């Protein structure tokens, strides 16, 4: 990680952000303190190495917050972000060909198959025995129905939750108190923001209290939600599965 030496390789966005920061005479530590984005994450954006971020979904919120701090247009900067990587990557052989698909049996599946085979064999044996005593009295399907035990379906996996980015913009002098995933962001006394201030928070459960709800505007993952309400308002924003 550098603090202002060397351009970001193959990243026009990172080069532009670093150049602007240096023009302002700010260090990464100063930018981090003002934006509440970690130094390591700002450095990753300037270096164009977005795989160093906790998750690519944070890139848009980080770039917007950093752009506003540097006096740049957040929308234009977000458009310069690279295409996010696919959630699943295919592994390629050295010659570029696709690897052969192989069937992998996990322990639960192997056990289930073994039980099914044994039950089928037992059912067939029982049918043969019945047929030998009383031919034609019982069909193979009926014998298998009697012999094969019922199975209990496996429980469905729990849904995966993804963090959300909540943006806050105030149009008046506003006191805010923010709690992200149970942790206060401005101690117990909150923080007073001046008109035009914008901040963003990432997490799974974000609780915001505003002293002037009508002057506090919210976005979730860059989607406008609108003003929080009238007077002192508390709203809680949770990530969906």
Foldseek 3Di string as FASTA:
>chain_A
DDFQPDFQPPQPLLRVLSVLCVVVVHTLVRLCVVFVDDSQCNVCNNNVNCVSDPANLCVLQVQLSSCVVSVHDSVVSSVSRDDDDDPDDADADPVRHGDDDDDDDDPVRVVVVVLVVVLLVVLVVVVVVVCVVPNPPDDSVRSSVVRRDDDDDDDDDDDDWDKKKKKKAFQAFKFKWKAAPNRTPQPPRTDTDHGGDMHMDIHFKMKMWIQAQQRMWMDISNHTPHGQDGGIHIDMDGTDD
